[in-house]
Amino acid sequence: MSPQLLLVLMVALVTASFTGLVTRKPFYYLPIYWVIGVVALLIGQVFGRAGAITFLNVGQVELGTGLVVNLGLIVALQYVTLWYNGKKS
């Protein structure tokens, strides 16, 4: 396994755990947050390379852009969940 992929998986696990703690959702939401984290970091990698964004790079991994995309996807998931459940506020 490449070190870059391992770093992405570890950061996704940390962000998923942190998101689970902040949102206080049940424990079974952790895999959903983890998949969102991996996808967001990979999308951030593409956006960072395409836009030549050099915010918080670790080696060849664009962590800064990936974390921003991750934050956007988690917030979008929370709003979609609120909308779907009819608890708009």
PDB file of N, CA and C in Angstrom:
ATOM      1  N   MET A   1       0.862  -1.174   0.000  1.00  0.00           N
ATOM      2  CA  MET A   1       0.000   0.000   0.000  1.00  0.00           C
ATOM      3  C   MET A   1       0.903   1.231   0.000  1.00  0.00           C
ATOM      4  N   SER A   2       0.558   2.173  -0.845  1.00  0.00           N
ATOM      5  CA  SER A   2       1.386   3.371  -0.943  1.00  0.00           C
ATOM      6  C   SER A   2       1.226   4.244   0.300  1.00  0.00           C
ATOM      7  N   PRO A   3       2.268   4.981   0.656  1.00  0.00           N
ATOM      8  CA  PRO A   3       2.181   5.852   1.834  1.00  0.00           C
ATOM      9  C   PRO A   3       1.135   6.956   1.685  1.00  0.00           C
ATOM     10  N   GLN A   4       0.927   7.431   0.458  1.00  0.00           N
ATOM     11  CA  GLN A   4      -0.063   8.479   0.247  1.00  0.00           C
ATOM     12  C   GLN A   4      -1.469   7.951   0.521  1.00  0.00           C
ATOM     13  N   LEU A   5      -1.764   6.757   0.038  1.00  0.00           N
ATOM     14  CA  LEU A   5      -3.080   6.177   0.274  1.00  0.00           C
ATOM     15  C   LEU A   5      -3.285   5.883   1.754  1.00  0.00           C
ATOM     16  N   LEU A   6      -2.245   5.412   2.412  1.00  0.00           N
ATOM     17  CA  LEU A   6      -2.337   5.153   3.847  1.00  0.00           C
ATOM     18  C   LEU A   6      -2.597   6.445   4.621  1.00  0.00           C
ATOM     19  N   LEU A   7      -1.943   7.530   4.212  1.00  0.00           N
ATOM     20  CA  LEU A   7      -2.177   8.825   4.856  1.00  0.00           C
ATOM     21  C   LEU A   7      -3.611   9.286   4.643  1.00  0.00           C
ATOM     22  N   VAL A   8      -4.135   9.114   3.439  1.00  0.00           N
ATOM     23  CA  VAL A   8      -5.521   9.507   3.147  1.00  0.00           C
ATOM     24  C   VAL A   8      -6.490   8.687   3.996  1.00  0.00           C
ATOM     25  N   LEU A   9      -6.257   7.382   4.104  1.00  0.00           N
ATOM     26  CA  LEU A   9      -7.138   6.529   4.906  1.00  0.00           C
ATOM     27  C   LEU A   9      -7.078   6.899   6.380  1.00  0.00           C
ATOM     28  N   MET A  10      -5.903   7.210   6.891  1.00  0.00           N
ATOM     29  CA  MET A  10      -5.770   7.574   8.301  1.00  0.00           C
ATOM     30  C   MET A  10      -6.429   8.927   8.590  1.00  0.00           C
ATOM     31  N   VAL A  11      -6.224   9.892   7.717  1.00  0.00           N
ATOM     32  CA  VAL A  11      -6.850  11.210   7.911  1.00  0.00           C
ATOM     33  C   VAL A  11      -8.365  11.087   7.809  1.00  0.00           C
ATOM     34  N   ALA A  12      -8.852  10.251   6.904  1.00  0.00           N
ATOM     35  CA  ALA A  12     -10.297  10.038   6.784  1.00  0.00           C
ATOM     36  C   ALA A  12     -10.853   9.406   8.051  1.00  0.00           C
ATOM     37  N   LEU A  13     -10.119   8.474   8.649  1.00  0.00           N
ATOM     38  CA  LEU A  13     -10.570   7.860   9.894  1.00  0.00           C
ATOM     39  C   LEU A  13     -10.595   8.868  11.036  1.00  0.00           C
ATOM     40  N   VAL A  14      -9.588   9.715  11.108  1.00  0.00           N
ATOM     41  CA  VAL A  14      -9.551  10.739  12.165  1.00  0.00           C
ATOM     42  C   VAL A  14     -10.687  11.744  11.984  1.00  0.00           C
ATOM     43  N   THR A  15     -10.907  12.202  10.752  1.00  0.00           N
ATOM     44  CA  THR A  15     -11.981  13.165  10.527  1.00  0.00           C
ATOM     45  C   THR A  15     -13.354  12.532  10.756  1.00  0.00           C
ATOM     46  N   ALA A  16     -13.507  11.240  10.415  1.00  0.00           N
ATOM     47  CA  ALA A  16     -14.777  10.548  10.661  1.00  0.00           C
ATOM     48  C   ALA A  16     -15.035  10.425  12.158  1.00  0.00           C
ATOM     49  N   SER A  17     -14.011  10.094  12.914  1.00  0.00           N
ATOM     50  CA  SER A  17     -14.169   9.991  14.367  1.00  0.00           C
ATOM     51  C   SER A  17     -14.510  11.344  14.972  1.00  0.00           C
ATOM     52  N   PHE A  18     -13.823  12.397  14.517  1.00  0.00           N
ATOM     53  CA  PHE A  18     -14.094  13.738  15.031  1.00  0.00           C
ATOM     54  C   PHE A  18     -15.505  14.187  14.665  1.00  0.00           C
ATOM     55  N   THR A  19     -15.932  13.905  13.441  1.00  0.00           N
ATOM     56  CA  THR A  19     -17.280  14.277  13.020  1.00  0.00           C
ATOM     57  C   THR A  19     -18.326  13.532  13.836  1.00  0.00           C
ATOM     58  N   GLY A  20     -18.083  12.258  14.089  1.00  0.00           N
ATOM     59  CA  GLY A  20     -19.003  11.485  14.921  1.00  0.00           C
ATOM     60  C   GLY A  20     -19.109  12.030  16.331  1.00  0.00           C
ATOM     61  N   LEU A  21     -17.992  12.510  16.878  1.00  0.00           N
ATOM     62  CA  LEU A  21     -18.024  13.095  18.216  1.00  0.00           C
ATOM     63  C   LEU A  21     -18.757  14.429  18.237  1.00  0.00           C
ATOM     64  N   VAL A  22     -18.529  15.235  17.207  1.00  0.00           N
ATOM     65  CA  VAL A  22     -19.153  16.562  17.178  1.00  0.00           C
ATOM     66  C   VAL A  22     -20.653  16.468  16.915  1.00  0.00           C
ATOM     67  N   THR A  23     -21.052  15.612  15.974  1.00  0.00           N
ATOM     68  CA  THR A  23     -22.471  15.538  15.630  1.00  0.00           C
ATOM     69  C   THR A  23     -23.267  14.666  16.598  1.00  0.00           C
ATOM     70  N   ARG A  24     -22.577  13.871  17.407  1.00  0.00           N
ATOM     71  CA  ARG A  24     -23.203  13.009  18.411  1.00  0.00           C
ATOM     72  C   ARG A  24     -24.215  12.048  17.794  1.00  0.00           C
ATOM     73  N   LYS A  25     -23.876  11.556  16.610  1.00  0.00           N
ATOM     74  CA  LYS A  25     -24.699  10.539  15.948  1.00  0.00           C
ATOM     75  C   LYS A  25     -24.344   9.173  16.529  1.00  0.00           C
ATOM     76  N   PRO A  26     -25.182   8.165  16.316  1.00  0.00           N
ATOM     77  CA  PRO A  26     -24.851   6.811  16.790  1.00  0.00           C
ATOM     78  C   PRO A  26     -23.576   6.282  16.139  1.00  0.00           C
ATOM     79  N   PHE A  27     -23.012   5.257  16.751  1.00  0.00           N
ATOM     80  CA  PHE A  27     -21.724   4.718  16.332  1.00  0.00           C
ATOM     81  C   PHE A  27     -21.762   4.142  14.922  1.00  0.00           C
ATOM     82  N   TYR A  28     -22.907   3.668  14.467  1.00  0.00           N
ATOM     83  CA  TYR A  28     -22.966   3.056  13.147  1.00  0.00           C
ATOM     84  C   TYR A  28     -22.872   4.082  12.015  1.00  0.00           C
ATOM     85  N   TYR A  29     -22.839   5.371  12.311  1.00  0.00           N
ATOM     86  CA  TYR A  29     -22.619   6.399  11.292  1.00  0.00           C
ATOM     87  C   TYR A  29     -21.141   6.526  10.934  1.00  0.00           C
ATOM     88  N   LEU A  30     -20.248   5.943  11.737  1.00  0.00           N
ATOM     89  CA  LEU A  30     -18.814   6.071  11.496  1.00  0.00           C
ATOM     90  C   LEU A  30     -18.394   5.588  10.109  1.00  0.00           C
ATOM     91  N   PRO A  31     -18.862   4.432   9.616  1.00  0.00           N
ATOM     92  CA  PRO A  31     -18.465   4.040   8.252  1.00  0.00           C
ATOM     93  C   PRO A  31     -18.944   5.016   7.173  1.00  0.00           C
ATOM     94  N   ILE A  32     -20.097   5.622   7.371  1.00  0.00           N
ATOM     95  CA  ILE A  32     -20.593   6.607   6.401  1.00  0.00           C
ATOM     96  C   ILE A  32     -19.672   7.817   6.376  1.00  0.00           C
ATOM     97  N   TYR A  33     -19.303   8.310   7.565  1.00  0.00           N
ATOM     98  CA  TYR A  33     -18.393   9.451   7.633  1.00  0.00           C
ATOM     99  C   TYR A  33     -17.014   9.091   7.091  1.00  0.00           C
ATOM    100  N   TRP A  34     -16.587   7.841   7.291  1.00  0.00           N
ATOM    101  CA  TRP A  34     -15.282   7.427   6.797  1.00  0.00           C
ATOM    102  C   TRP A  34     -15.278   7.392   5.269  1.00  0.00           C
ATOM    103  N   VAL A  35     -16.319   6.850   4.664  1.00  0.00           N
ATOM    104  CA  VAL A  35     -16.399   6.813   3.197  1.00  0.00           C
ATOM    105  C   VAL A  35     -16.462   8.232   2.640  1.00  0.00           C
ATOM    106  N   ILE A  36     -17.236   9.095   3.281  1.00  0.00           N
ATOM    107  CA  ILE A  36     -17.293  10.492   2.843  1.00  0.00           C
ATOM    108  C   ILE A  36     -15.916  11.139   2.954  1.00  0.00           C
ATOM    109  N   GLY A  37     -15.192  10.834   4.018  1.00  0.00           N
ATOM    110  CA  GLY A  37     -13.853  11.392   4.196  1.00  0.00           C
ATOM    111  C   GLY A  37     -12.889  10.933   3.114  1.00  0.00           C
ATOM    112  N   VAL A  38     -12.900   9.647   2.777  1.00  0.00           N
ATOM    113  CA  VAL A  38     -12.007   9.134   1.732  1.00  0.00           C
ATOM    114  C   VAL A  38     -12.354   9.756   0.386  1.00  0.00           C
ATOM    115  N   VAL A  39     -13.628   9.798   0.067  1.00  0.00           N
ATOM    116  CA  VAL A  39     -14.054  10.382  -1.215  1.00  0.00           C
ATOM    117  C   VAL A  39     -13.701  11.866  -1.264  1.00  0.00           C
ATOM    118  N   ALA A  40     -13.927  12.584  -0.173  1.00  0.00           N
ATOM    119  CA  ALA A  40     -13.630  14.021  -0.148  1.00  0.00           C
ATOM    120  C   ALA A  40     -12.136  14.278  -0.286  1.00  0.00           C
ATOM    121  N   LEU A  41     -11.312  13.475   0.366  1.00  0.00           N
ATOM    122  CA  LEU A  41      -9.874  13.678   0.238  1.00  0.00           C
ATOM    123  C   LEU A  41      -9.380  13.360  -1.170  1.00  0.00           C
ATOM    124  N   LEU A  42      -9.975  12.379  -1.805  1.00  0.00           N
ATOM    125  CA  LEU A  42      -9.587  12.079  -3.182  1.00  0.00           C
ATOM    126  C   LEU A  42     -10.070  13.155  -4.152  1.00  0.00           C
ATOM    127  N   ILE A  43     -11.269  13.675  -3.929  1.00  0.00           N
ATOM    128  CA  ILE A  43     -11.753  14.795  -4.755  1.00  0.00           C
ATOM    129  C   ILE A  43     -10.896  16.032  -4.508  1.00  0.00           C
ATOM    130  N   GLY A  44     -10.532  16.261  -3.252  1.00  0.00           N
ATOM    131  CA  GLY A  44      -9.651  17.383  -2.930  1.00  0.00           C
ATOM    132  C   GLY A  44      -8.291  17.256  -3.582  1.00  0.00           C
ATOM    133  N   GLN A  45      -7.812  16.027  -3.714  1.00  0.00           N
ATOM    134  CA  GLN A  45      -6.544  15.783  -4.405  1.00  0.00           C
ATOM    135  C   GLN A  45      -6.643  16.242  -5.859  1.00  0.00           C
ATOM    136  N   VAL A  46      -7.750  15.919  -6.499  1.00  0.00           N
ATOM    137  CA  VAL A  46      -7.944  16.307  -7.905  1.00  0.00           C
ATOM    138  C   VAL A  46      -8.072  17.820  -8.017  1.00  0.00           C
ATOM    139  N   PHE A  47      -8.889  18.432  -7.157  1.00  0.00           N
ATOM    140  CA  PHE A  47      -9.063  19.889  -7.206  1.00  0.00           C
ATOM    141  C   PHE A  47      -7.762  20.616  -6.886  1.00  0.00           C
ATOM    142  N   GLY A  48      -7.022  20.109  -5.919  1.00  0.00           N
ATOM    143  CA  GLY A  48      -5.756  20.740  -5.554  1.00  0.00           C
ATOM    144  C   GLY A  48      -4.740  20.697  -6.674  1.00  0.00           C
ATOM    145  N   ARG A  49      -4.676  19.561  -7.352  1.00  0.00           N
ATOM    146  CA  ARG A  49      -3.742  19.444  -8.488  1.00  0.00           C
ATOM    147  C   ARG A  49      -4.196  20.305  -9.660  1.00  0.00           C
ATOM    148  N   ALA A  50      -5.485  20.307  -9.949  1.00  0.00           N
ATOM    149  CA  ALA A  50      -5.995  21.065 -11.094  1.00  0.00           C
ATOM    150  C   ALA A  50      -5.866  22.565 -10.870  1.00  0.00           C
ATOM    151  N   GLY A  51      -6.113  23.006  -9.643  1.00  0.00           N
ATOM    152  CA  GLY A  51      -6.057  24.431  -9.364  1.00  0.00           C
ATOM    153  C   GLY A  51      -4.720  24.905  -8.837  1.00  0.00           C
ATOM    154  N   ALA A  52      -3.746  24.006  -8.718  1.00  0.00           N
ATOM    155  CA  ALA A  52      -2.406  24.319  -8.193  1.00  0.00           C
ATOM    156  C   ALA A  52      -2.495  24.971  -6.810  1.00  0.00           C
ATOM    157  N   ILE A  53      -3.357  24.415  -5.965  1.00  0.00           N
ATOM    158  CA  ILE A  53      -3.523  24.924  -4.601  1.00  0.00           C
ATOM    159  C   ILE A  53      -2.491  24.238  -3.716  1.00  0.00           C
ATOM    160  N   THR A  54      -1.718  25.019  -3.002  1.00  0.00           N
ATOM    161  CA  THR A  54      -0.650  24.452  -2.175  1.00  0.00           C
ATOM    162  C   THR A  54      -0.906  24.691  -0.698  1.00  0.00           C
ATOM    163  N   PHE A  55      -2.130  24.534  -0.274  1.00  0.00           N
ATOM    164  CA  PHE A  55      -2.499  24.742   1.125  1.00  0.00           C
ATOM    165  C   PHE A  55      -2.405  23.415   1.873  1.00  0.00           C
ATOM    166  N   LEU A  56      -1.518  23.316   2.832  1.00  0.00           N
ATOM    167  CA  LEU A  56      -1.343  22.152   3.703  1.00  0.00           C
ATOM    168  C   LEU A  56      -1.070  20.876   2.908  1.00  0.00           C
ATOM    169  N   ASN A  57      -0.003  20.923   2.113  1.00  0.00           N
ATOM    170  CA  ASN A  57       0.413  19.733   1.380  1.00  0.00           C
ATOM    171  C   ASN A  57       1.331  18.904   2.265  1.00  0.00           C
ATOM    172  N   VAL A  58       1.147  17.588   2.232  1.00  0.00           N
ATOM    173  CA  VAL A  58       2.044  16.662   2.904  1.00  0.00           C
ATOM    174  C   VAL A  58       2.593  15.749   1.823  1.00  0.00           C
ATOM    175  N   GLY A  59       3.823  15.985   1.415  1.00  0.00           N
ATOM    176  CA  GLY A  59       4.386  15.232   0.298  1.00  0.00           C
ATOM    177  C   GLY A  59       3.618  15.550  -0.969  1.00  0.00           C
ATOM    178  N   GLN A  60       3.009  14.535  -1.553  1.00  0.00           N
ATOM    179  CA  GLN A  60       2.227  14.730  -2.765  1.00  0.00           C
ATOM    180  C   GLN A  60       0.731  14.715  -2.496  1.00  0.00           C
ATOM    181  N   VAL A  61       0.347  14.732  -1.234  1.00  0.00           N
ATOM    182  CA  VAL A  61      -1.070  14.670  -0.860  1.00  0.00           C
ATOM    183  C   VAL A  61      -1.561  16.075  -0.545  1.00  0.00           C
ATOM    184  N   GLU A  62      -2.644  16.463  -1.186  1.00  0.00           N
ATOM    185  CA  GLU A  62      -3.257  17.782  -0.978  1.00  0.00           C
ATOM    186  C   GLU A  62      -4.247  17.686   0.179  1.00  0.00           C
ATOM    187  N   LEU A  63      -3.742  17.736   1.407  1.00  0.00           N
ATOM    188  CA  LEU A  63      -4.619  17.564   2.565  1.00  0.00           C
ATOM    189  C   LEU A  63      -5.518  18.769   2.797  1.00  0.00           C
ATOM    190  N   GLY A  64      -5.017  19.958   2.586  1.00  0.00           N
ATOM    191  CA  GLY A  64      -5.819  21.154   2.844  1.00  0.00           C
ATOM    192  C   GLY A  64      -7.071  21.211   2.000  1.00  0.00           C
ATOM    193  N   THR A  65      -6.921  20.993   0.718  1.00  0.00           N
ATOM    194  CA  THR A  65      -8.067  21.014  -0.184  1.00  0.00           C
ATOM    195  C   THR A  65      -9.023  19.870   0.134  1.00  0.00           C
ATOM    196  N   GLY A  66      -8.469  18.709   0.447  1.00  0.00           N
ATOM    197  CA  GLY A  66      -9.308  17.569   0.797  1.00  0.00           C
ATOM    198  C   GLY A  66     -10.103  17.798   2.069  1.00  0.00           C
ATOM    199  N   LEU A  67      -9.495  18.444   3.053  1.00  0.00           N
ATOM    200  CA  LEU A  67     -10.218  18.720   4.300  1.00  0.00           C
ATOM    201  C   LEU A  67     -11.318  19.752   4.094  1.00  0.00           C
ATOM    202  N   VAL A  68     -11.084  20.709   3.208  1.00  0.00           N
ATOM    203  CA  VAL A  68     -12.127  21.694   2.899  1.00  0.00           C
ATOM    204  C   VAL A  68     -13.297  21.014   2.188  1.00  0.00           C
ATOM    205  N   VAL A  69     -12.996  20.135   1.248  1.00  0.00           N
ATOM    206  CA  VAL A  69     -14.053  19.396   0.554  1.00  0.00           C
ATOM    207  C   VAL A  69     -14.783  18.485   1.539  1.00  0.00           C
ATOM    208  N   ASN A  70     -14.041  17.868   2.461  1.00  0.00           N
ATOM    209  CA  ASN A  70     -14.642  17.007   3.483  1.00  0.00           C
ATOM    210  C   ASN A  70     -15.614  17.796   4.352  1.00  0.00           C
ATOM    211  N   LEU A  71     -15.206  18.971   4.769  1.00  0.00           N
ATOM    212  CA  LEU A  71     -16.089  19.818   5.573  1.00  0.00           C
ATOM    213  C   LEU A  71     -17.357  20.159   4.800  1.00  0.00           C
ATOM    214  N   GLY A  72     -17.211  20.492   3.530  1.00  0.00           N
ATOM    215  CA  GLY A  72     -18.380  20.812   2.709  1.00  0.00           C
ATOM    216  C   GLY A  72     -19.326  19.631   2.559  1.00  0.00           C
ATOM    217  N   LEU A  73     -18.778  18.439   2.359  1.00  0.00           N
ATOM    218  CA  LEU A  73     -19.630  17.256   2.205  1.00  0.00           C
ATOM    219  C   LEU A  73     -20.321  16.881   3.510  1.00  0.00           C
ATOM    220  N   ILE A  74     -19.640  17.022   4.632  1.00  0.00           N
ATOM    221  CA  ILE A  74     -20.259  16.706   5.924  1.00  0.00           C
ATOM    222  C   ILE A  74     -21.383  17.691   6.232  1.00  0.00           C
ATOM    223  N   VAL A  75     -21.159  18.970   5.960  1.00  0.00           N
ATOM    224  CA  VAL A  75     -22.211  19.968   6.174  1.00  0.00           C
ATOM    225  C   VAL A  75     -23.385  19.703   5.237  1.00  0.00           C
ATOM    226  N   ALA A  76     -23.093  19.356   3.988  1.00  0.00           N
ATOM    227  CA  ALA A  76     -24.163  19.035   3.038  1.00  0.00           C
ATOM    228  C   ALA A  76     -24.948  17.809   3.501  1.00  0.00           C
ATOM    229  N   LEU A  77     -24.259  16.805   4.032  1.00  0.00           N
ATOM    230  CA  LEU A  77     -24.942  15.619   4.540  1.00  0.00           C
ATOM    231  C   LEU A  77     -25.859  15.972   5.710  1.00  0.00           C
ATOM    232  N   GLN A  78     -25.403  16.850   6.583  1.00  0.00           N
ATOM    233  CA  GLN A  78     -26.230  17.246   7.719  1.00  0.00           C
ATOM    234  C   GLN A  78     -27.487  17.986   7.255  1.00  0.00           C
ATOM    235  N   TYR A  79     -27.332  18.887   6.282  1.00  0.00           N
ATOM    236  CA  TYR A  79     -28.497  19.617   5.771  1.00  0.00           C
ATOM    237  C   TYR A  79     -29.467  18.707   5.023  1.00  0.00           C
ATOM    238  N   VAL A  80     -28.936  17.765   4.253  1.00  0.00           N
ATOM    239  CA  VAL A  80     -29.808  16.829   3.547  1.00  0.00           C
ATOM    240  C   VAL A  80     -30.554  15.951   4.545  1.00  0.00           C
ATOM    241  N   THR A  81     -29.872  15.540   5.609  1.00  0.00           N
ATOM    242  CA  THR A  81     -30.526  14.739   6.646  1.00  0.00           C
ATOM    243  C   THR A  81     -31.636  15.528   7.331  1.00  0.00           C
ATOM    244  N   LEU A  82     -31.370  16.802   7.646  1.00  0.00           N
ATOM    245  CA  LEU A  82     -32.411  17.629   8.256  1.00  0.00           C
ATOM    246  C   LEU A  82     -33.595  17.830   7.305  1.00  0.00           C
ATOM    247  N   TRP A  83     -33.287  18.065   6.044  1.00  0.00           N
ATOM    248  CA  TRP A  83     -34.352  18.261   5.062  1.00  0.00           C
ATOM    249  C   TRP A  83     -35.184  16.990   4.912  1.00  0.00           C
ATOM    250  N   TYR A  84     -34.509  15.853   4.820  1.00  0.00           N
ATOM    251  CA  TYR A  84     -35.195  14.587   4.610  1.00  0.00           C
ATOM    252  C   TYR A  84     -36.087  14.235   5.803  1.00  0.00           C
ATOM    253  N   ASN A  85     -35.632  14.521   6.973  1.00  0.00           N
ATOM    254  CA  ASN A  85     -36.420  14.208   8.167  1.00  0.00           C
ATOM    255  C   ASN A  85     -37.464  15.253   8.487  1.00  0.00           C
ATOM    256  N   GLY A  86     -37.500  16.338   7.748  1.00  0.00           N
ATOM    257  CA  GLY A  86     -38.509  17.373   7.948  1.00  0.00           C
ATOM    258  C   GLY A  86     -38.280  18.230   9.174  1.00  0.00           C
ATOM    259  N   LYS A  87     -37.040  18.335   9.595  1.00  0.00           N
ATOM    260  CA  LYS A  87     -36.718  19.133  10.777  1.00  0.00           C
ATOM    261  C   LYS A  87     -36.003  20.417  10.387  1.00  0.00           C
ATOM    262  N   LYS A  88     -36.451  21.051   9.336  1.00  0.00           N
ATOM    263  CA  LYS A  88     -35.802  22.301   8.920  1.00  0.00           C
ATOM    264  C   LYS A  88     -35.975  23.358  10.007  1.00  0.00           C
ATOM    265  N   SER A  89     -34.863  24.054  10.229  1.00  0.00           N
ATOM    266  CA  SER A  89     -34.937  25.120  11.236  1.00  0.00           C
ATOM    267  C   SER A  89     -34.341  26.396  10.733  1.00  0.00           C
TER     268      SER A  89
END
